[in-house]
């Protein structure tokens, strides 16, 4: 068994007004119809942050700014691991091109969609962020 460093996949928990953006996959067949934080693979020479900004521009046609990274990384398989960043929109509105649907969810709605397994461990930290936890980007902002 070959033990080497895993390649990075990054996802964006884009927050706005106490809600987070989720996207529904269309492929591969095993993931179709399930929800994830949009993003993708970090290419050689890219930082995780620059990869995430690029992926969101490609997938959703908008620009984001990374605020912070949620704790830990989760294995997707033997090759890849997933990290999730909390981000905010800085330009444009998200329009899905690689997903068939996007949805904004509040902290109390996160359980309403069928998440892909690698995204699940991040939901508790994200729920705290959306609920205005002291370390979250929503802290101190006016609620809707």
N, C-alpha and C. Protein backbone atom coordinates (compact mmCIF):
# COMPACT_ATOMS: atom_id res chain seq x y z
N UNK A 1 0.85 -1.19 0.00
CA UNK A 1 0.00 0.00 0.00
C UNK A 1 0.88 1.24 0.00
N UNK A 2 0.63 2.10 -0.93
CA UNK A 2 1.43 3.32 -1.09
C UNK A 2 0.85 4.43 -0.22
N UNK A 3 1.66 4.90 0.71
CA UNK A 3 1.21 5.99 1.58
C UNK A 3 1.93 7.27 1.19
N UNK A 4 1.22 8.16 0.57
CA UNK A 4 1.78 9.45 0.20
C UNK A 4 0.81 10.53 0.59
N UNK A 5 1.22 11.78 0.45
CA UNK A 5 0.28 12.85 0.78
C UNK A 5 -0.90 12.83 -0.19
N UNK A 6 -2.07 13.10 0.35
CA UNK A 6 -3.27 13.15 -0.49
C UNK A 6 -3.31 14.46 -1.25
N UNK A 7 -3.93 14.42 -2.42
CA UNK A 7 -4.13 15.63 -3.20
C UNK A 7 -5.32 16.38 -2.63
N UNK A 8 -5.27 17.70 -2.73
CA UNK A 8 -6.30 18.54 -2.13
C UNK A 8 -7.46 18.84 -3.07
N UNK A 9 -8.65 18.74 -2.50
CA UNK A 9 -9.87 19.22 -3.13
C UNK A 9 -10.43 20.26 -2.17
N UNK A 10 -10.86 21.39 -2.71
CA UNK A 10 -11.36 22.48 -1.86
C UNK A 10 -12.80 22.79 -2.22
N UNK A 11 -13.57 23.12 -1.20
CA UNK A 11 -14.97 23.49 -1.39
C UNK A 11 -15.24 24.82 -0.72
N UNK A 12 -16.23 25.54 -1.22
CA UNK A 12 -16.57 26.85 -0.68
C UNK A 12 -17.93 26.81 0.00
N UNK A 13 -17.94 27.17 1.26
CA UNK A 13 -19.19 27.42 1.99
C UNK A 13 -19.42 28.92 1.86
N UNK A 14 -20.09 29.32 0.78
CA UNK A 14 -20.32 30.73 0.50
C UNK A 14 -21.49 31.20 1.36
N UNK A 15 -21.22 32.17 2.24
CA UNK A 15 -22.24 32.63 3.16
C UNK A 15 -22.75 34.02 2.77
N UNK A 16 -24.07 34.20 2.98
CA UNK A 16 -24.71 35.48 2.69
C UNK A 16 -25.98 35.55 3.52
N UNK A 17 -26.11 36.58 4.32
CA UNK A 17 -27.33 36.79 5.09
C UNK A 17 -27.72 35.62 5.97
N UNK A 18 -26.75 34.96 6.58
CA UNK A 18 -27.04 33.85 7.48
C UNK A 18 -27.37 32.54 6.77
N UNK A 19 -27.12 32.47 5.47
CA UNK A 19 -27.36 31.25 4.70
C UNK A 19 -26.09 30.85 3.96
N UNK A 20 -26.02 29.58 3.59
CA UNK A 20 -24.87 29.07 2.84
C UNK A 20 -25.35 28.49 1.52
N UNK A 21 -24.53 28.65 0.49
CA UNK A 21 -24.86 28.14 -0.84
C UNK A 21 -24.48 26.67 -0.95
N UNK A 22 -25.39 25.86 -1.45
CA UNK A 22 -25.13 24.45 -1.75
C UNK A 22 -25.44 24.21 -3.22
N UNK A 23 -24.81 23.17 -3.77
CA UNK A 23 -24.99 22.88 -5.19
C UNK A 23 -25.25 21.39 -5.38
N UNK A 24 -26.17 21.06 -6.30
CA UNK A 24 -26.53 19.67 -6.54
C UNK A 24 -25.78 19.11 -7.75
N UNK A 25 -25.10 17.99 -7.53
CA UNK A 25 -24.28 17.35 -8.56
C UNK A 25 -25.14 16.71 -9.65
N UNK A 26 -24.57 16.64 -10.84
CA UNK A 26 -25.20 15.93 -11.94
C UNK A 26 -24.36 14.71 -12.33
N UNK A 27 -23.08 14.68 -11.93
CA UNK A 27 -22.21 13.56 -12.26
C UNK A 27 -21.12 13.45 -11.20
N UNK A 28 -20.45 12.31 -11.08
CA UNK A 28 -20.75 11.04 -11.73
C UNK A 28 -22.08 10.48 -11.23
N UNK A 29 -22.52 9.37 -11.80
CA UNK A 29 -23.82 8.81 -11.48
C UNK A 29 -23.98 8.55 -9.98
N UNK A 30 -22.90 8.15 -9.31
CA UNK A 30 -22.98 7.86 -7.88
C UNK A 30 -23.22 9.10 -7.04
N UNK A 31 -22.93 10.28 -7.59
CA UNK A 31 -23.11 11.53 -6.85
C UNK A 31 -24.28 12.36 -7.38
N UNK A 32 -24.82 12.00 -8.51
CA UNK A 32 -25.90 12.78 -9.13
C UNK A 32 -27.09 12.91 -8.19
N UNK A 33 -27.60 14.14 -8.08
CA UNK A 33 -28.75 14.41 -7.24
C UNK A 33 -28.41 14.68 -5.79
N UNK A 34 -27.13 14.58 -5.43
CA UNK A 34 -26.71 14.84 -4.05
C UNK A 34 -26.04 16.21 -3.98
N UNK A 35 -25.96 16.76 -2.78
CA UNK A 35 -25.53 18.14 -2.58
C UNK A 35 -24.12 18.22 -2.03
N UNK A 36 -23.46 19.32 -2.36
CA UNK A 36 -22.08 19.56 -1.94
C UNK A 36 -21.81 21.05 -1.84
N UNK A 37 -20.65 21.36 -1.25
CA UNK A 37 -20.13 22.71 -1.34
C UNK A 37 -19.36 22.76 -2.65
N UNK A 38 -19.64 23.74 -3.53
CA UNK A 38 -18.96 23.78 -4.82
C UNK A 38 -17.47 24.02 -4.66
N UNK A 39 -16.70 23.54 -5.63
CA UNK A 39 -15.24 23.70 -5.60
C UNK A 39 -14.60 22.70 -6.53
N UNK A 40 -13.36 22.32 -6.22
CA UNK A 40 -12.67 21.37 -7.09
C UNK A 40 -11.24 21.13 -6.65
N UNK A 41 -10.50 20.51 -7.55
CA UNK A 41 -9.13 20.10 -7.25
C UNK A 41 -8.16 21.28 -7.27
N UNK A 42 -7.19 21.24 -6.37
CA UNK A 42 -6.09 22.20 -6.36
C UNK A 42 -5.07 21.71 -7.38
N UNK A 43 -4.78 22.54 -8.38
CA UNK A 43 -3.83 22.17 -9.43
C UNK A 43 -2.41 22.45 -8.97
N UNK A 44 -1.42 21.76 -9.56
CA UNK A 44 -0.02 22.01 -9.19
C UNK A 44 0.33 23.50 -9.32
N UNK A 45 0.99 24.04 -8.31
CA UNK A 45 1.39 25.44 -8.31
C UNK A 45 0.35 26.39 -7.75
N UNK A 46 -0.86 25.90 -7.47
CA UNK A 46 -1.92 26.75 -6.91
C UNK A 46 -1.94 26.63 -5.39
N UNK A 47 -2.35 27.71 -4.75
CA UNK A 47 -2.66 27.63 -3.33
C UNK A 47 -4.11 27.15 -3.22
N UNK A 48 -4.50 26.56 -2.08
CA UNK A 48 -5.90 26.17 -1.93
C UNK A 48 -6.86 27.35 -2.16
N UNK A 49 -6.48 28.52 -1.66
CA UNK A 49 -7.33 29.70 -1.81
C UNK A 49 -7.50 30.09 -3.27
N UNK A 50 -6.39 30.15 -4.03
CA UNK A 50 -6.49 30.55 -5.44
C UNK A 50 -7.25 29.50 -6.25
N UNK A 51 -7.08 28.22 -5.90
CA UNK A 51 -7.83 27.16 -6.59
C UNK A 51 -9.32 27.32 -6.36
N UNK A 52 -9.70 27.65 -5.13
CA UNK A 52 -11.11 27.79 -4.81
C UNK A 52 -11.73 28.99 -5.54
N UNK A 53 -11.02 30.11 -5.57
CA UNK A 53 -11.51 31.29 -6.29
C UNK A 53 -11.69 30.95 -7.77
N UNK A 54 -10.72 30.23 -8.36
CA UNK A 54 -10.81 29.83 -9.78
C UNK A 54 -11.98 28.89 -10.01
N UNK A 55 -12.11 27.86 -9.17
CA UNK A 55 -13.18 26.87 -9.35
C UNK A 55 -14.57 27.51 -9.26
N UNK A 56 -14.76 28.42 -8.30
CA UNK A 56 -16.06 29.06 -8.15
C UNK A 56 -16.36 29.96 -9.34
N UNK A 57 -15.35 30.64 -9.86
CA UNK A 57 -15.55 31.45 -11.07
C UNK A 57 -15.98 30.56 -12.23
N UNK A 58 -15.34 29.38 -12.37
CA UNK A 58 -15.66 28.47 -13.47
C UNK A 58 -17.05 27.84 -13.28
N UNK A 59 -17.36 27.39 -12.07
CA UNK A 59 -18.59 26.65 -11.83
C UNK A 59 -19.82 27.53 -11.64
N UNK A 60 -19.63 28.72 -11.07
CA UNK A 60 -20.79 29.55 -10.71
C UNK A 60 -20.77 30.95 -11.30
N UNK A 61 -19.69 31.31 -12.00
CA UNK A 61 -19.63 32.60 -12.67
C UNK A 61 -19.62 33.80 -11.75
N UNK A 62 -19.08 33.64 -10.55
CA UNK A 62 -19.01 34.76 -9.61
C UNK A 62 -17.64 34.74 -8.92
N UNK A 63 -17.33 35.82 -8.22
CA UNK A 63 -16.05 35.90 -7.50
C UNK A 63 -16.31 35.83 -6.01
N UNK A 64 -15.42 35.11 -5.33
CA UNK A 64 -15.52 35.00 -3.87
C UNK A 64 -14.23 35.46 -3.22
N UNK A 65 -14.33 35.69 -1.91
CA UNK A 65 -13.16 35.95 -1.08
C UNK A 65 -13.21 34.95 0.07
N UNK A 66 -12.09 34.23 0.27
CA UNK A 66 -12.02 33.28 1.36
C UNK A 66 -11.88 34.04 2.67
N UNK A 67 -12.74 33.73 3.64
CA UNK A 67 -12.70 34.35 4.97
C UNK A 67 -11.84 33.52 5.91
N UNK A 68 -12.14 32.23 5.99
CA UNK A 68 -11.33 31.33 6.81
C UNK A 68 -11.61 29.89 6.39
N UNK A 69 -10.79 28.97 6.89
CA UNK A 69 -10.96 27.55 6.59
C UNK A 69 -11.57 26.86 7.79
N UNK A 70 -12.55 26.00 7.54
CA UNK A 70 -13.12 25.20 8.62
C UNK A 70 -12.07 24.19 9.07
N UNK A 71 -12.14 23.75 10.33
CA UNK A 71 -11.12 22.82 10.85
C UNK A 71 -11.13 21.49 10.11
N UNK A 72 -9.94 20.92 10.01
CA UNK A 72 -9.73 19.56 9.52
C UNK A 72 -9.90 19.39 8.02
N UNK A 73 -9.46 18.23 7.57
CA UNK A 73 -9.62 17.79 6.18
C UNK A 73 -10.24 16.40 6.26
N UNK A 74 -11.04 16.04 5.27
CA UNK A 74 -11.75 14.76 5.26
C UNK A 74 -11.33 13.98 4.02
N UNK A 75 -11.00 12.71 4.20
CA UNK A 75 -10.63 11.86 3.07
C UNK A 75 -11.85 11.65 2.17
N UNK A 76 -11.66 11.86 0.88
CA UNK A 76 -12.70 11.56 -0.10
C UNK A 76 -12.53 10.10 -0.55
N UNK A 77 -11.27 9.73 -0.78
CA UNK A 77 -10.89 8.35 -1.14
C UNK A 77 -9.40 8.21 -0.83
N UNK A 78 -8.75 7.22 -1.41
CA UNK A 78 -7.33 7.00 -1.13
C UNK A 78 -6.43 8.09 -1.70
N UNK A 79 -6.95 8.87 -2.65
CA UNK A 79 -6.13 9.85 -3.36
C UNK A 79 -6.38 11.29 -2.92
N UNK A 80 -7.63 11.62 -2.61
CA UNK A 80 -8.00 13.02 -2.37
C UNK A 80 -8.53 13.25 -0.96
N UNK A 81 -8.28 14.49 -0.48
CA UNK A 81 -8.90 14.93 0.77
C UNK A 81 -9.55 16.28 0.53
N UNK A 82 -10.63 16.54 1.29
CA UNK A 82 -11.44 17.74 1.12
C UNK A 82 -11.24 18.70 2.28
N UNK A 83 -11.04 19.98 1.95
CA UNK A 83 -11.05 21.07 2.92
C UNK A 83 -12.12 22.06 2.47
N UNK A 84 -12.79 22.67 3.45
CA UNK A 84 -13.86 23.62 3.15
C UNK A 84 -13.50 24.99 3.72
N UNK A 85 -13.68 26.01 2.89
CA UNK A 85 -13.46 27.39 3.32
C UNK A 85 -14.79 28.11 3.42
N UNK A 86 -14.92 28.95 4.43
CA UNK A 86 -16.03 29.89 4.50
C UNK A 86 -15.63 31.07 3.61
N UNK A 87 -16.54 31.47 2.73
CA UNK A 87 -16.23 32.52 1.76
C UNK A 87 -17.42 33.45 1.62
N UNK A 88 -17.17 34.62 1.04
CA UNK A 88 -18.24 35.57 0.76
C UNK A 88 -18.18 35.97 -0.70
N UNK A 89 -19.35 36.31 -1.25
CA UNK A 89 -19.42 36.80 -2.62
C UNK A 89 -18.85 38.20 -2.67
N UNK A 90 -18.01 38.47 -3.68
CA UNK A 90 -17.52 39.83 -3.86
C UNK A 90 -17.95 40.42 -5.20
N UNK A 91 -18.38 39.55 -6.14
CA UNK A 91 -18.83 40.06 -7.43
C UNK A 91 -19.69 39.01 -8.12
N UNK A 92 -20.87 39.43 -8.56
CA UNK A 92 -21.76 38.55 -9.32
C UNK A 92 -22.65 37.71 -8.43
N UNK A 93 -23.63 37.08 -9.08
CA UNK A 93 -24.53 36.15 -8.41
C UNK A 93 -24.26 34.76 -8.95
N UNK A 94 -24.27 33.75 -8.08
CA UNK A 94 -23.96 32.39 -8.53
C UNK A 94 -25.00 31.86 -9.51
N UNK A 95 -24.51 31.32 -10.63
CA UNK A 95 -25.34 30.66 -11.62
C UNK A 95 -24.70 29.31 -11.91
N UNK A 96 -25.43 28.21 -11.66
CA UNK A 96 -24.81 26.90 -11.83
C UNK A 96 -24.55 26.55 -13.29
N UNK A 97 -23.33 26.08 -13.57
CA UNK A 97 -23.00 25.60 -14.91
C UNK A 97 -22.66 24.11 -14.87
N UNK A 98 -22.06 23.64 -13.77
CA UNK A 98 -21.71 22.23 -13.65
C UNK A 98 -22.67 21.49 -12.72
N UNK A 99 -23.56 22.20 -12.07
CA UNK A 99 -24.58 21.62 -11.19
C UNK A 99 -25.94 21.91 -11.81
N UNK A 100 -26.96 21.10 -11.43
CA UNK A 100 -28.28 21.36 -12.02
C UNK A 100 -29.13 22.27 -11.15
N UNK A 101 -28.67 22.52 -9.91
CA UNK A 101 -29.45 23.37 -9.01
C UNK A 101 -28.54 23.90 -7.92
N UNK A 102 -28.84 25.13 -7.46
CA UNK A 102 -28.18 25.66 -6.27
C UNK A 102 -29.27 26.06 -5.29
N UNK A 103 -28.90 26.10 -4.02
CA UNK A 103 -29.89 26.44 -3.00
C UNK A 103 -29.17 27.11 -1.82
N UNK A 104 -29.78 28.15 -1.27
CA UNK A 104 -29.27 28.81 -0.07
C UNK A 104 -29.97 28.18 1.13
N UNK A 105 -29.19 27.73 2.11
CA UNK A 105 -29.74 27.07 3.30
C UNK A 105 -29.33 27.81 4.56
N UNK A 106 -30.27 27.98 5.49
CA UNK A 106 -29.96 28.50 6.81
C UNK A 106 -29.44 27.38 7.70
N UNK A 107 -28.95 27.74 8.88
CA UNK A 107 -28.38 26.76 9.81
C UNK A 107 -29.38 25.65 10.12
N UNK A 108 -30.66 26.00 10.23
CA UNK A 108 -31.67 25.00 10.59
C UNK A 108 -32.16 24.20 9.38
N UNK A 109 -31.64 24.48 8.18
CA UNK A 109 -32.07 23.78 6.97
C UNK A 109 -31.00 22.83 6.42
N UNK A 110 -29.83 22.79 7.07
CA UNK A 110 -28.71 22.01 6.52
C UNK A 110 -29.05 20.53 6.38
N UNK A 111 -29.92 20.01 7.23
CA UNK A 111 -30.28 18.58 7.18
C UNK A 111 -31.33 18.28 6.11
N UNK A 112 -31.81 19.29 5.40
CA UNK A 112 -32.89 19.08 4.43
C UNK A 112 -32.43 18.54 3.08
N UNK A 113 -31.11 18.54 2.84
CA UNK A 113 -30.62 18.03 1.56
C UNK A 113 -29.77 16.79 1.78
N UNK A 114 -29.62 15.99 0.74
CA UNK A 114 -28.85 14.75 0.78
C UNK A 114 -27.39 15.07 0.43
N UNK A 115 -26.58 15.31 1.46
CA UNK A 115 -25.18 15.71 1.27
C UNK A 115 -24.32 14.53 0.82
N UNK A 116 -23.28 14.83 0.05
CA UNK A 116 -22.24 13.85 -0.22
C UNK A 116 -21.48 13.61 1.09
N UNK A 117 -21.05 12.37 1.33
CA UNK A 117 -20.43 12.02 2.61
C UNK A 117 -19.24 12.90 3.01
N UNK A 118 -18.31 13.26 2.09
CA UNK A 118 -17.17 14.07 2.53
C UNK A 118 -17.56 15.45 3.07
N UNK A 119 -18.71 15.97 2.68
CA UNK A 119 -19.14 17.29 3.14
C UNK A 119 -19.75 17.25 4.54
N UNK A 120 -20.28 16.11 4.94
CA UNK A 120 -21.02 15.99 6.20
C UNK A 120 -20.25 16.43 7.44
N UNK A 121 -18.97 16.04 7.61
CA UNK A 121 -18.26 16.43 8.84
C UNK A 121 -18.10 17.94 9.03
N UNK A 122 -18.29 18.73 7.99
CA UNK A 122 -18.12 20.18 8.08
C UNK A 122 -19.40 20.89 8.52
N UNK A 123 -20.52 20.19 8.55
CA UNK A 123 -21.80 20.84 8.81
C UNK A 123 -21.91 21.41 10.22
N UNK A 124 -21.34 20.73 11.22
CA UNK A 124 -21.45 21.23 12.60
C UNK A 124 -20.74 22.57 12.75
N UNK A 125 -19.52 22.67 12.23
CA UNK A 125 -18.79 23.93 12.31
C UNK A 125 -19.49 25.01 11.50
N UNK A 126 -20.05 24.63 10.37
CA UNK A 126 -20.74 25.60 9.53
C UNK A 126 -22.03 26.07 10.20
N UNK A 127 -22.73 25.16 10.84
CA UNK A 127 -23.96 25.52 11.56
C UNK A 127 -23.65 26.59 12.60
N UNK A 128 -22.54 26.40 13.32
CA UNK A 128 -22.11 27.38 14.33
C UNK A 128 -21.80 28.73 13.67
N UNK A 129 -21.11 28.69 12.54
CA UNK A 129 -20.79 29.92 11.81
C UNK A 129 -22.05 30.65 11.38
N UNK A 130 -23.02 29.91 10.82
CA UNK A 130 -24.26 30.53 10.35
C UNK A 130 -25.10 31.07 11.49
N UNK A 131 -24.99 30.43 12.64
CA UNK A 131 -25.77 30.86 13.81
C UNK A 131 -25.12 32.04 14.53
N UNK A 132 -24.00 32.52 13.98
CA UNK A 132 -23.35 33.69 14.56
C UNK A 132 -22.38 33.36 15.68
N UNK A 133 -21.73 32.19 15.56
CA UNK A 133 -20.72 31.82 16.54
C UNK A 133 -19.64 32.88 16.61
N UNK A 134 -18.98 32.97 17.75
CA UNK A 134 -17.99 34.03 17.99
C UNK A 134 -16.89 34.07 16.94
N UNK A 135 -16.54 32.91 16.38
CA UNK A 135 -15.46 32.86 15.40
C UNK A 135 -15.95 32.98 13.97
N UNK A 136 -17.26 33.04 13.80
CA UNK A 136 -17.82 33.00 12.45
C UNK A 136 -17.87 34.36 11.78
N UNK A 137 -17.92 34.36 10.44
CA UNK A 137 -17.97 35.61 9.69
C UNK A 137 -19.28 36.35 9.88
N UNK A 138 -20.30 35.67 10.40
CA UNK A 138 -21.58 36.33 10.58
C UNK A 138 -21.61 37.09 11.91
N UNK A 139 -20.63 36.84 12.77
CA UNK A 139 -20.62 37.49 14.09
C UNK A 139 -20.58 39.00 13.93
N UNK A 140 -21.47 39.66 14.62
CA UNK A 140 -21.48 41.12 14.60
C UNK A 140 -22.22 41.71 13.41
N UNK A 141 -22.67 40.86 12.47
CA UNK A 141 -23.40 41.42 11.34
C UNK A 141 -24.88 41.47 11.66
N UNK A 142 -25.56 42.35 11.01
CA UNK A 142 -27.00 42.49 11.26
C UNK A 142 -27.74 41.32 10.66
N UNK A 143 -28.65 40.74 11.38
CA UNK A 143 -29.42 39.60 10.89
C UNK A 143 -30.58 40.07 10.03
N UNK A 144 -31.13 39.12 9.22
CA UNK A 144 -32.17 39.50 8.29
C UNK A 144 -33.50 39.29 8.85
